[in-house]
């Protein structure tokens, strides 16, 4: 199968309240008793940003720590994947693609359990809390994968004890979008770029709460929109001129364009969401001004990657998305 490549496009389409430009400091709040889920694929390792945060992997610690279940019953959820007795009241379920569908009428295989039978309330609604690790400081866009059943809907995302980010008025499932034999609770949507948040590198707690409306909820995805350099000393030299880095993907070829401030070599590298280096090249062109370096990315799997350009003591990062 031939691969097709494109740059990820950012477009704000929903009514959101963001934390604004203020960077939320990292560091687990003092006295927090939760621990990273030790089961399944995590095995005690915090989920990472940039990347996808699965709500099923909420922290261990029980009611009021890793989660809150408003009705306290755990009834009707079809079971739970959590092995800890203290976590069994969280209602979760899983169905394969014969039952779940997207709003565009495509089979939707979730691949794991998701949060269901949710109770929403502005004060006391169900929530889960997750210990997460931010690998790169900067501004992140937020996507979510959910079935929003009611037209009036709101969820909140809260990093540490900062002001919650409210996400509301997402398009709810319409009767015309329900696949034959299914129901609104099993018609999923990928809501793209619903909010932004500015984070430093380090550890955080992330609380995801249901404020209003009916939901089934699967994951949150955080994609680096722009690197802030909050924790990067190479970006501290503010007197330097920005390199205006651009990345263009065409038929498996990645062209990195930038403006060299001096006739010095530059290092161009490509990393994945975990920070692992995938490709690297040294540009020895002894010229100032516009330069272009080509990288062969034809064999890379689809996903989000980061283009890093380091030159004359400064560094700029751009995110790209490779899709099939």
Protein backbone atom coordinates (compact mmCIF):
# COMPACT_ATOMS: atom_id res chain seq x y z
CA UNK A 1 0.00 0.00 0.00
CA UNK A 2 1.37 3.38 -0.95
CA UNK A 3 1.81 5.84 1.89
CA UNK A 4 0.50 9.38 1.65
CA UNK A 5 1.97 12.14 3.77
CA UNK A 6 0.67 15.47 4.95
CA UNK A 7 1.40 18.16 7.51
CA UNK A 8 -1.04 18.19 10.40
CA UNK A 9 -3.44 21.11 10.08
CA UNK A 10 -4.65 22.90 13.20
CA UNK A 11 -8.21 24.25 13.13
CA UNK A 12 -10.28 25.45 16.08
CA UNK A 13 -13.94 24.58 15.59
CA UNK A 14 -15.42 24.15 19.04
CA UNK A 15 -16.32 26.46 21.91
CA UNK A 16 -13.55 26.04 24.49
CA UNK A 17 -12.11 27.78 27.51
CA UNK A 18 -8.33 27.41 27.65
CA UNK A 19 -5.79 28.16 30.33
CA UNK A 20 -4.36 30.82 28.05
CA UNK A 21 -0.69 31.57 27.59
CA UNK A 22 0.41 30.92 31.18
CA UNK A 23 2.64 27.86 31.50
CA UNK A 24 1.37 25.40 34.13
CA UNK A 25 4.36 24.47 36.34
CA UNK A 26 5.26 20.79 36.53
CA UNK A 27 5.57 18.76 39.73
CA UNK A 28 3.14 16.36 41.39
CA UNK A 29 1.10 18.26 44.03
CA UNK A 30 2.29 17.71 47.58
CA UNK A 31 0.40 15.00 49.41
CA UNK A 32 -0.99 13.29 46.32
CA UNK A 33 -1.43 9.61 47.24
CA UNK A 34 -2.13 8.15 43.80
CA UNK A 35 0.24 5.84 41.95
CA UNK A 36 0.59 5.03 38.25
CA UNK A 37 -1.46 2.00 37.22
CA UNK A 38 0.76 -1.09 37.40
CA UNK A 39 -1.32 -3.35 35.16
CA UNK A 40 -1.70 -3.86 31.43
CA UNK A 41 0.85 -2.09 29.20
CA UNK A 42 1.86 0.69 31.62
CA UNK A 43 3.46 -1.50 34.30
CA UNK A 44 3.95 1.54 36.55
CA UNK A 45 5.23 3.86 33.81
CA UNK A 46 3.42 7.19 33.48
CA UNK A 47 1.60 7.91 30.23
CA UNK A 48 3.44 10.52 28.17
CA UNK A 49 2.75 13.88 26.54
CA UNK A 50 2.99 14.31 23.60
CA UNK A 51 0.89 11.22 23.06
CA UNK A 52 -2.44 9.57 23.86
CA UNK A 53 -3.74 9.37 27.44
CA UNK A 54 -6.11 6.38 27.81
CA UNK A 55 -8.66 6.99 30.57
CA UNK A 56 -8.83 3.29 31.42
CA UNK A 57 -5.30 3.58 32.84
CA UNK A 58 -6.25 5.95 35.68
CA UNK A 59 -4.06 6.03 38.79
CA UNK A 60 -4.26 3.50 41.59
CA UNK A 61 -5.46 4.74 44.95
CA UNK A 62 -9.20 4.14 44.89
CA UNK A 63 -12.22 6.39 45.29
CA UNK A 64 -11.36 10.06 45.74
CA UNK A 65 -7.74 9.56 44.67
CA UNK A 66 -7.45 7.88 41.27
CA UNK A 67 -11.13 8.23 40.41
CA UNK A 68 -14.55 9.34 41.60
CA UNK A 69 -17.74 7.40 40.88
CA UNK A 70 -20.75 9.61 41.56
CA UNK A 71 -23.33 6.89 42.27
CA UNK A 72 -20.81 4.57 43.89
CA UNK A 73 -22.45 1.45 42.53
CA UNK A 74 -20.46 0.31 39.53
CA UNK A 75 -23.65 -1.24 38.16
CA UNK A 76 -24.27 -1.77 34.46
CA UNK A 77 -20.77 -1.26 33.15
CA UNK A 78 -20.23 -4.76 31.85
CA UNK A 79 -17.31 -5.42 34.19
CA UNK A 80 -13.92 -3.81 34.71
CA UNK A 81 -10.37 -4.53 33.58
CA UNK A 82 -8.92 -3.16 36.81
CA UNK A 83 -7.53 -5.90 39.10
CA UNK A 84 -7.59 -3.77 42.23
CA UNK A 85 -10.57 -4.15 44.54
CA UNK A 86 -10.55 -0.43 45.33
CA UNK A 87 -11.04 0.37 41.62
CA UNK A 88 -13.92 -1.97 40.83
CA UNK A 89 -16.67 0.64 41.15
CA UNK A 90 -15.48 2.41 37.98
CA UNK A 91 -17.87 1.50 35.18
CA UNK A 92 -16.14 0.42 31.98
CA UNK A 93 -17.03 -1.72 29.00
CA UNK A 94 -15.73 -2.82 25.61
CA UNK A 95 -17.37 -3.82 22.35
CA UNK A 96 -15.81 -4.89 19.07
CA UNK A 97 -16.39 -3.33 15.67
CA UNK A 98 -19.65 -5.14 14.95
CA UNK A 99 -21.27 -2.90 17.58
CA UNK A 100 -19.23 0.33 17.66
CA UNK A 101 -19.09 2.74 14.73
CA UNK A 102 -17.85 6.24 13.87
CA UNK A 103 -20.12 9.17 13.05
CA UNK A 104 -19.14 8.57 9.41
CA UNK A 105 -20.55 5.02 9.58
CA UNK A 106 -17.21 3.18 9.71
CA UNK A 107 -16.58 0.19 12.03
CA UNK A 108 -14.75 1.35 15.16
CA UNK A 109 -12.55 -1.14 17.01
CA UNK A 110 -11.47 0.52 20.26
CA UNK A 111 -8.79 -2.02 21.11
CA UNK A 112 -9.41 -1.77 24.85
CA UNK A 113 -11.95 -0.87 27.50
CA UNK A 114 -13.43 2.63 27.76
CA UNK A 115 -15.23 4.62 30.44
CA UNK A 116 -19.01 4.26 30.26
CA UNK A 117 -22.25 4.62 32.27
CA UNK A 118 -21.00 8.06 33.20
CA UNK A 119 -22.61 10.43 35.68
CA UNK A 120 -22.10 14.13 34.92
CA UNK A 121 -22.42 17.00 37.39
CA UNK A 122 -20.76 20.46 37.61
CA UNK A 123 -19.50 19.72 41.14
CA UNK A 124 -19.61 15.99 41.75
CA UNK A 125 -19.43 14.38 38.30
CA UNK A 126 -17.42 11.20 37.65
CA UNK A 127 -13.70 11.71 37.11
CA UNK A 128 -10.41 9.89 36.66
CA UNK A 129 -6.93 11.14 37.50
CA UNK A 130 -3.73 10.22 35.68
CA UNK A 131 -0.04 10.77 36.43
CA UNK A 132 1.53 11.96 33.16
CA UNK A 133 5.03 12.87 32.03
CA UNK A 134 5.57 15.83 29.68
CA UNK A 135 8.64 15.24 27.49
CA UNK A 136 8.82 18.60 25.71
CA UNK A 137 7.84 22.05 26.96
CA UNK A 138 5.47 24.01 24.78
CA UNK A 139 1.93 24.60 23.63
CA UNK A 140 -0.17 21.48 23.07
CA UNK A 141 -3.40 21.01 21.15
CA UNK A 142 -5.91 18.56 22.60
CA UNK A 143 -7.99 15.97 20.72
CA UNK A 144 -10.47 13.59 22.35
CA UNK A 145 -12.11 10.32 21.29
CA UNK A 146 -15.61 10.09 22.70
CA UNK A 147 -19.29 9.54 22.06
CA UNK A 148 -21.08 12.75 23.06
CA UNK A 149 -24.74 11.84 23.36
CA UNK A 150 -26.35 15.11 24.54
CA UNK A 151 -26.28 18.46 22.74
CA UNK A 152 -25.40 20.27 25.98
CA UNK A 153 -22.13 18.69 27.05
CA UNK A 154 -19.05 19.71 29.01
CA UNK A 155 -15.92 17.99 30.29
CA UNK A 156 -13.00 19.53 32.15
CA UNK A 157 -9.28 18.75 32.12
CA UNK A 158 -7.19 19.90 35.07
CA UNK A 159 -3.39 19.74 35.32
CA UNK A 160 -2.26 19.67 38.96
CA UNK A 161 -4.29 22.33 40.78
CA UNK A 162 -4.47 24.80 37.88
CA UNK A 163 -7.71 26.28 36.55
CA UNK A 164 -9.59 23.51 34.70
CA UNK A 165 -9.83 23.62 30.91
CA UNK A 166 -13.51 23.44 29.97
CA UNK A 167 -14.45 21.73 26.69
CA UNK A 168 -18.09 22.12 25.77
CA UNK A 169 -20.70 22.16 23.02
CA UNK A 170 -19.10 19.35 21.03
CA UNK A 171 -21.29 17.95 18.21
CA UNK A 172 -23.49 15.25 19.70
CA UNK A 173 -24.48 12.06 17.94
CA UNK A 174 -27.44 12.56 15.61
CA UNK A 175 -30.08 9.94 14.89
CA UNK A 176 -29.01 9.94 11.24
CA UNK A 177 -25.48 8.91 12.30
CA UNK A 178 -26.51 5.79 14.20
CA UNK A 179 -25.56 2.61 12.36
CA UNK A 180 -28.31 0.05 11.89
CA UNK A 181 -28.36 -2.26 14.92
CA UNK A 182 -26.30 0.12 17.07
CA UNK A 183 -27.22 3.08 19.30
CA UNK A 184 -26.02 6.62 20.08
CA UNK A 185 -23.80 5.44 22.95
CA UNK A 186 -21.67 3.48 20.50
CA UNK A 187 -21.17 6.06 17.77
CA UNK A 188 -17.72 7.60 18.22
CA UNK A 189 -16.14 10.85 17.08
CA UNK A 190 -12.58 12.16 17.02
CA UNK A 191 -12.92 15.75 18.19
CA UNK A 192 -9.83 17.54 16.91
CA UNK A 193 -8.08 20.56 18.44
CA UNK A 194 -10.74 21.26 21.07
CA UNK A 195 -8.40 23.24 23.36
CA UNK A 196 -4.77 24.19 23.96
CA UNK A 197 -2.57 24.12 27.06
CA UNK A 198 0.97 25.35 27.83
CA UNK A 199 3.10 22.87 29.79
CA UNK A 200 6.67 22.62 31.07
CA UNK A 201 8.63 19.37 31.05
CA UNK A 202 8.16 17.07 34.02
CA UNK A 203 5.47 15.21 35.94
CA UNK A 204 1.83 16.27 36.34
CA UNK A 205 -1.48 14.93 37.54
CA UNK A 206 -4.27 15.20 34.95
CA UNK A 207 -7.87 15.05 36.19
CA UNK A 208 -10.57 14.43 33.57
CA UNK A 209 -14.09 15.17 34.87
CA UNK A 210 -17.57 14.92 33.34
CA UNK A 211 -19.44 18.16 34.00
CA UNK A 212 -22.53 17.93 31.79
CA UNK A 213 -24.14 15.54 29.30
CA UNK A 214 -24.02 11.86 28.41
CA UNK A 215 -20.69 10.33 27.35
CA UNK A 216 -18.68 7.27 26.49
CA UNK A 217 -15.01 8.26 26.70
CA UNK A 218 -11.86 6.61 25.37
CA UNK A 219 -8.80 8.88 25.20
CA UNK A 220 -7.23 12.34 25.12
CA UNK A 221 -4.40 13.11 22.68
CA UNK A 222 -1.85 15.90 23.22
CA UNK A 223 0.10 17.10 20.17
CA UNK A 224 2.95 19.62 20.37
CA UNK A 225 1.93 22.72 18.43
CA UNK A 226 5.01 24.81 19.21
CA UNK A 227 7.99 24.33 21.52
CA UNK A 228 8.34 27.06 24.14
CA UNK A 229 11.88 26.31 25.27
CA UNK A 230 10.81 26.75 28.90
CA UNK A 231 13.29 24.09 29.97
CA UNK A 232 15.66 24.34 27.01
CA UNK A 233 18.71 26.49 27.61
CA UNK A 234 19.45 26.59 23.91
CA UNK A 235 16.38 28.76 23.46
CA UNK A 236 17.42 31.18 26.17
CA UNK A 237 19.51 33.26 23.79
CA UNK A 238 16.69 35.65 22.98
CA UNK A 239 18.97 37.94 20.97
CA UNK A 240 19.15 35.30 18.26
CA UNK A 241 16.87 35.57 15.24
CA UNK A 242 14.28 32.82 14.76
CA UNK A 243 15.16 30.32 12.02
CA UNK A 244 11.60 30.13 10.65
CA UNK A 245 11.77 26.34 10.37
CA UNK A 246 9.33 24.74 7.93
CA UNK A 247 8.79 21.07 7.10
CA UNK A 248 7.30 19.87 3.82
CA UNK A 249 6.39 16.21 3.15
CA UNK A 250 6.15 15.01 -0.45
CA UNK A 251 6.07 11.34 -1.51
CA UNK A 252 8.24 10.06 1.31
CA UNK A 253 10.66 12.97 1.20
CA UNK A 254 10.85 15.43 4.10
CA UNK A 255 12.29 18.83 3.15
CA UNK A 256 13.40 20.92 6.12
CA UNK A 257 13.70 24.62 5.29
CA UNK A 258 15.27 27.12 7.67
CA UNK A 259 17.10 30.44 7.83
CA UNK A 260 20.71 30.13 9.01
CA UNK A 261 21.83 33.12 11.06
CA UNK A 262 25.52 32.44 10.42
CA UNK A 263 27.83 30.33 8.24
CA UNK A 264 27.96 27.49 10.78
CA UNK A 265 26.90 23.85 10.48
CA UNK A 266 23.41 22.86 11.62
CA UNK A 267 22.07 19.60 12.99
CA UNK A 268 18.69 18.42 11.73
CA UNK A 269 17.04 15.48 13.47
CA UNK A 270 13.70 13.71 13.59
CA UNK A 271 12.38 12.28 16.87
CA UNK A 272 9.25 10.35 17.80
CA UNK A 273 6.81 11.13 20.62
CA UNK A 274 9.01 9.39 23.18
CA UNK A 275 12.01 11.57 22.28
CA UNK A 276 13.81 8.74 20.46
CA UNK A 277 15.97 9.91 17.55
CA UNK A 278 14.78 8.44 14.23
CA UNK A 279 16.93 10.29 11.68
CA UNK A 280 19.78 12.78 11.91
CA UNK A 281 21.80 14.86 9.47
CA UNK A 282 24.51 17.54 9.61
CA UNK A 283 24.18 20.48 7.21
CA UNK A 284 27.70 21.79 6.57
CA UNK A 285 26.68 24.49 4.08
CA UNK A 286 28.93 27.46 4.89
CA UNK A 287 26.34 30.08 4.04
CA UNK A 288 23.97 32.39 5.81
CA UNK A 289 20.33 32.66 4.87
CA UNK A 290 17.94 30.08 3.48
CA UNK A 291 18.95 26.42 3.53
CA UNK A 292 17.16 23.16 2.72
CA UNK A 293 17.95 19.65 3.97
CA UNK A 294 16.17 16.55 2.64
CA UNK A 295 15.43 13.43 4.73
CA UNK A 296 14.05 10.13 3.44
CA UNK A 297 11.03 9.22 5.57
CA UNK A 298 9.36 6.81 3.17
CA UNK A 299 9.70 3.84 5.55
CA UNK A 300 8.41 5.58 8.67
CA UNK A 301 5.18 4.41 10.24
CA UNK A 302 2.27 6.83 10.48
CA UNK A 303 2.22 9.01 13.60
CA UNK A 304 3.42 12.30 15.06
CA UNK A 305 7.11 13.23 14.76
CA UNK A 306 9.22 16.27 15.67
CA UNK A 307 11.67 18.06 13.39
CA UNK A 308 14.55 19.55 15.41
CA UNK A 309 16.91 22.16 13.92
CA UNK A 310 19.93 23.19 16.02
CA UNK A 311 22.14 26.00 14.74
CA UNK A 312 24.44 28.60 16.30
CA UNK A 313 23.25 27.96 19.84
CA UNK A 314 19.51 28.00 19.18
CA UNK A 315 17.01 25.24 18.57
CA UNK A 316 13.57 25.15 16.96
CA UNK A 317 11.11 22.27 16.87
CA UNK A 318 8.21 21.66 14.49
CA UNK A 319 5.68 18.83 14.75
CA UNK A 320 4.51 16.87 11.71
CA UNK A 321 2.00 14.08 11.23
CA UNK A 322 2.53 11.19 8.81
CA UNK A 323 -0.74 9.54 7.85
CA UNK A 324 -1.67 6.75 5.50
